[in-house]
C-alpha cells in the first residue's frame, strides 16, 4: 500500500496554507506601510489620511500581485524548460548505455567467433 498520494496531498495542502499565510502577511504589511506613509503627511484630515492609506495599500497590493504572477509564470517556464532538458539528457544517457551494451555484445560475439574458429 502506497501513501505517496496522501503525502502529496498533505504537501500540497501545506503549500497552499503557507501561500495563504504569506499573502495575508503581505496584505498586512501593505496596510501598515500605507498607514505609516499617510501618517507622515501633515495637514490632512483623518478622512483624507484614511483615503490616502487605502489608495496606497491598493496600489501596493496590486504591485505585489503583478510581481507574484510574474514570478509564478517564470517558475512554470523554468519547470517546463528543465523538464525538457531532463528528458533529453535521459534519452542521451539511455542511448549511450544501449550503445555500450551493443558494443560489449559485439566484442563478446566477435571474440567467441575467433575462439571457435581458431
C-alpha atoms as a PDB file:
ATOM      1  CA  UNK A   1       0.000   0.000   0.000  1.00  0.00           C
ATOM      2  CA  UNK A   2       1.474   3.362  -1.056  1.00  0.00           C
ATOM      3  CA  UNK A   3       0.998   6.570   0.851  1.00  0.00           C
ATOM      4  CA  UNK A   4       2.538   8.686  -1.919  1.00  0.00           C
ATOM      5  CA  UNK A   5      -0.830  10.161  -2.890  1.00  0.00           C
ATOM      6  CA  UNK A   6      -1.756  11.217   0.623  1.00  0.00           C
ATOM      7  CA  UNK A   7       1.741  12.603   1.211  1.00  0.00           C
ATOM      8  CA  UNK A   8       1.453  14.671  -1.966  1.00  0.00           C
ATOM      9  CA  UNK A   9      -1.985  15.884  -0.899  1.00  0.00           C
ATOM     10  CA  UNK A  10      -0.636  16.828   2.517  1.00  0.00           C
ATOM     11  CA  UNK A  11       2.328  18.643   0.966  1.00  0.00           C
ATOM     12  CA  UNK A  12       0.007  20.485  -1.428  1.00  0.00           C
ATOM     13  CA  UNK A  13      -2.266  21.453   1.457  1.00  0.00           C
ATOM     14  CA  UNK A  14       0.667  22.729   3.497  1.00  0.00           C
ATOM     15  CA  UNK A  15       1.959  24.694   0.493  1.00  0.00           C
ATOM     16  CA  UNK A  16      -1.482  26.202  -0.025  1.00  0.00           C
ATOM     17  CA  UNK A  17      -1.720  27.170   3.641  1.00  0.00           C
ATOM     18  CA  UNK A  18       1.776  28.638   3.518  1.00  0.00           C
ATOM     19  CA  UNK A  19       0.835  30.654   0.433  1.00  0.00           C
ATOM     20  CA  UNK A  20      -2.288  31.927   2.146  1.00  0.00           C
ATOM     21  CA  UNK A  21      -0.352  32.960   5.248  1.00  0.00           C
ATOM     22  CA  UNK A  22       2.342  34.677   3.170  1.00  0.00           C
ATOM     23  CA  UNK A  23      -0.294  36.600   1.218  1.00  0.00           C
ATOM     24  CA  UNK A  24      -2.043  37.645   4.429  1.00  0.00           C
ATOM     25  CA  UNK A  25       1.304  38.876   5.757  1.00  0.00           C
ATOM     26  CA  UNK A  26       1.822  40.816   2.510  1.00  0.00           C
ATOM     27  CA  UNK A  27      -1.628  42.410   2.849  1.00  0.00           C
ATOM     28  CA  UNK A  28      -0.943  43.352   6.468  1.00  0.00           C
ATOM     29  CA  UNK A  29       2.478  44.728   5.513  1.00  0.00           C
ATOM     30  CA  UNK A  30       0.997  46.794   2.705  1.00  0.00           C
ATOM     31  CA  UNK A  31      -1.634  48.208   5.028  1.00  0.00           C
ATOM     32  CA  UNK A  32       0.922  49.041   7.731  1.00  0.00           C
ATOM     33  CA  UNK A  33       3.218  50.669   5.179  1.00  0.00           C
ATOM     34  CA  UNK A  34       0.307  52.704   3.804  1.00  0.00           C
ATOM     35  CA  UNK A  35      -0.714  53.903   7.241  1.00  0.00           C
ATOM     36  CA  UNK A  36       2.863  54.915   8.087  1.00  0.00           C
ATOM     37  CA  UNK A  37       3.107  56.811   4.814  1.00  0.00           C
ATOM     38  CA  UNK A  38      -0.181  58.615   5.362  1.00  0.00           C
ATOM     39  CA  UNK A  39       0.672  59.421   8.999  1.00  0.00           C
ATOM     40  CA  UNK A  40       3.817  61.291   7.903  1.00  0.00           C
ATOM     41  CA  UNK A  41       1.833  63.696   5.765  1.00  0.00           C
ATOM     42  CA  UNK A  42       0.800  66.679   7.797  1.00  0.00           C
ATOM     43  CA  UNK A  43      -2.147  68.887   7.010  1.00  0.00           C
ATOM     44  CA  UNK A  44      -4.514  66.065   6.088  1.00  0.00           C
ATOM     45  CA  UNK A  45      -7.772  65.373   7.834  1.00  0.00           C
ATOM     46  CA  UNK A  46      -8.326  61.915   9.276  1.00  0.00           C
ATOM     47  CA  UNK A  47     -10.672  61.160   6.379  1.00  0.00           C
ATOM     48  CA  UNK A  48      -8.066  62.244   3.822  1.00  0.00           C
ATOM     49  CA  UNK A  49      -5.369  60.291   5.631  1.00  0.00           C
ATOM     50  CA  UNK A  50      -7.565  57.167   5.643  1.00  0.00           C
ATOM     51  CA  UNK A  51      -8.387  57.626   1.935  1.00  0.00           C
ATOM     52  CA  UNK A  52      -4.702  58.064   1.077  1.00  0.00           C
ATOM     53  CA  UNK A  53      -3.772  54.983   3.103  1.00  0.00           C
ATOM     54  CA  UNK A  54      -6.480  52.970   1.330  1.00  0.00           C
ATOM     55  CA  UNK A  55      -5.255  54.028  -2.122  1.00  0.00           C
ATOM     56  CA  UNK A  56      -1.615  53.432  -1.218  1.00  0.00           C
ATOM     57  CA  UNK A  57      -2.413  49.950   0.128  1.00  0.00           C
ATOM     58  CA  UNK A  58      -4.427  49.121  -3.007  1.00  0.00           C
ATOM     59  CA  UNK A  59      -1.539  50.154  -5.264  1.00  0.00           C
ATOM     60  CA  UNK A  60       0.980  48.271  -3.168  1.00  0.00           C
ATOM     61  CA  UNK A  61      -1.169  45.132  -3.214  1.00  0.00           C
ATOM     62  CA  UNK A  62      -1.660  45.419  -6.980  1.00  0.00           C
ATOM     63  CA  UNK A  63       2.109  45.691  -7.414  1.00  0.00           C
ATOM     64  CA  UNK A  64       2.666  42.665  -5.180  1.00  0.00           C
ATOM     65  CA  UNK A  65       0.127  40.696  -7.196  1.00  0.00           C
ATOM     66  CA  UNK A  66       1.820  41.618 -10.514  1.00  0.00           C
ATOM     67  CA  UNK A  67       5.235  40.631  -9.168  1.00  0.00           C
ATOM     68  CA  UNK A  68       3.885  37.373  -7.761  1.00  0.00           C
ATOM     69  CA  UNK A  69       2.206  36.475 -11.067  1.00  0.00           C
ATOM     70  CA  UNK A  70       5.412  37.264 -12.973  1.00  0.00           C
ATOM     71  CA  UNK A  71       7.488  35.109 -10.623  1.00  0.00           C
ATOM     72  CA  UNK A  72       4.988  32.234 -10.837  1.00  0.00           C
ATOM     73  CA  UNK A  73       4.981  32.461 -14.643  1.00  0.00           C
ATOM     74  CA  UNK A  74       8.776  32.370 -14.688  1.00  0.00           C
ATOM     75  CA  UNK A  75       8.801  29.371 -12.347  1.00  0.00           C
ATOM     76  CA  UNK A  76       6.416  27.486 -14.632  1.00  0.00           C
ATOM     77  CA  UNK A  77       8.583  28.374 -17.616  1.00  0.00           C
ATOM     78  CA  UNK A  78      11.723  27.161 -15.873  1.00  0.00           C
ATOM     79  CA  UNK A  79       9.986  23.982 -14.792  1.00  0.00           C
ATOM     80  CA  UNK A  80       8.999  23.241 -18.389  1.00  0.00           C
ATOM     81  CA  UNK A  81      12.488  24.085 -19.639  1.00  0.00           C
ATOM     82  CA  UNK A  82      14.211  21.866 -17.084  1.00  0.00           C
ATOM     83  CA  UNK A  83      11.728  19.048 -17.659  1.00  0.00           C
ATOM     84  CA  UNK A  84      12.573  19.141 -21.363  1.00  0.00           C
ATOM     85  CA  UNK A  85      16.302  19.225 -20.606  1.00  0.00           C
ATOM     86  CA  UNK A  86      15.962  16.288 -18.221  1.00  0.00           C
ATOM     87  CA  UNK A  87      14.073  14.235 -20.818  1.00  0.00           C
ATOM     88  CA  UNK A  88      16.721  14.994 -23.442  1.00  0.00           C
ATOM     89  CA  UNK A  89      19.544  14.106 -21.068  1.00  0.00           C
ATOM     90  CA  UNK A  90      17.785  10.913 -20.029  1.00  0.00           C
ATOM     91  CA  UNK A  91      17.398   9.898 -23.692  1.00  0.00           C
ATOM     92  CA  UNK A  92      21.075  10.598 -24.332  1.00  0.00           C
ATOM     93  CA  UNK A  93      22.163   8.545 -21.319  1.00  0.00           C
ATOM     94  CA  UNK A  94      19.902   5.649 -22.327  1.00  0.00           C
ATOM     95  CA  UNK A  95      21.243   5.762 -25.886  1.00  0.00           C
ATOM     96  CA  UNK A  96      24.825   5.816 -24.633  1.00  0.00           C
ATOM     97  CA  UNK A  97      24.100   2.864 -22.334  1.00  0.00           C
ATOM     98  CA  UNK A  98      22.438   0.948 -25.172  1.00  0.00           C
ATOM     99  CA  UNK A  99      25.434   1.636 -27.426  1.00  0.00           C
ATOM    100  CA  UNK A 100      27.808   0.437 -24.718  1.00  0.00           C
ATOM    101  CA  UNK A 101      25.803  -2.760 -24.273  1.00  0.00           C
ATOM    102  CA  UNK A 102      25.715  -3.344 -28.039  1.00  0.00           C
ATOM    103  CA  UNK A 103      29.452  -2.743 -28.265  1.00  0.00           C
ATOM    104  CA  UNK A 104      30.088  -5.205 -25.435  1.00  0.00           C
ATOM    105  CA  UNK A 105      27.847  -7.816 -27.044  1.00  0.00           C
ATOM    106  CA  UNK A 106      29.566  -7.302 -30.413  1.00  0.00           C
ATOM    107  CA  UNK A 107      33.004  -7.697 -28.842  1.00  0.00           C
ATOM    108  CA  UNK A 108      31.906 -10.802 -26.992  1.00  0.00           C
ATOM    109  CA  UNK A 109      30.386 -12.283 -30.145  1.00  0.00           C
ATOM    110  CA  UNK A 110      33.495 -11.451 -32.147  1.00  0.00           C
ATOM    111  CA  UNK A 111      35.723 -12.944 -29.502  1.00  0.00           C
ATOM    112  CA  UNK A 112      33.572 -16.067 -29.387  1.00  0.00           C
ATOM    113  CA  UNK A 113      33.777 -16.410 -33.179  1.00  0.00           C
ATOM    114  CA  UNK A 114      37.557 -16.060 -33.130  1.00  0.00           C
ATOM    115  CA  UNK A 115      37.979 -18.655 -30.431  1.00  0.00           C
ATOM    116  CA  UNK A 116      35.653 -21.169 -32.117  1.00  0.00           C
ATOM    117  CA  UNK A 117      37.399 -20.760 -35.495  1.00  0.00           C
ATOM    118  CA  UNK A 118      40.867 -20.903 -34.125  1.00  0.00           C
END
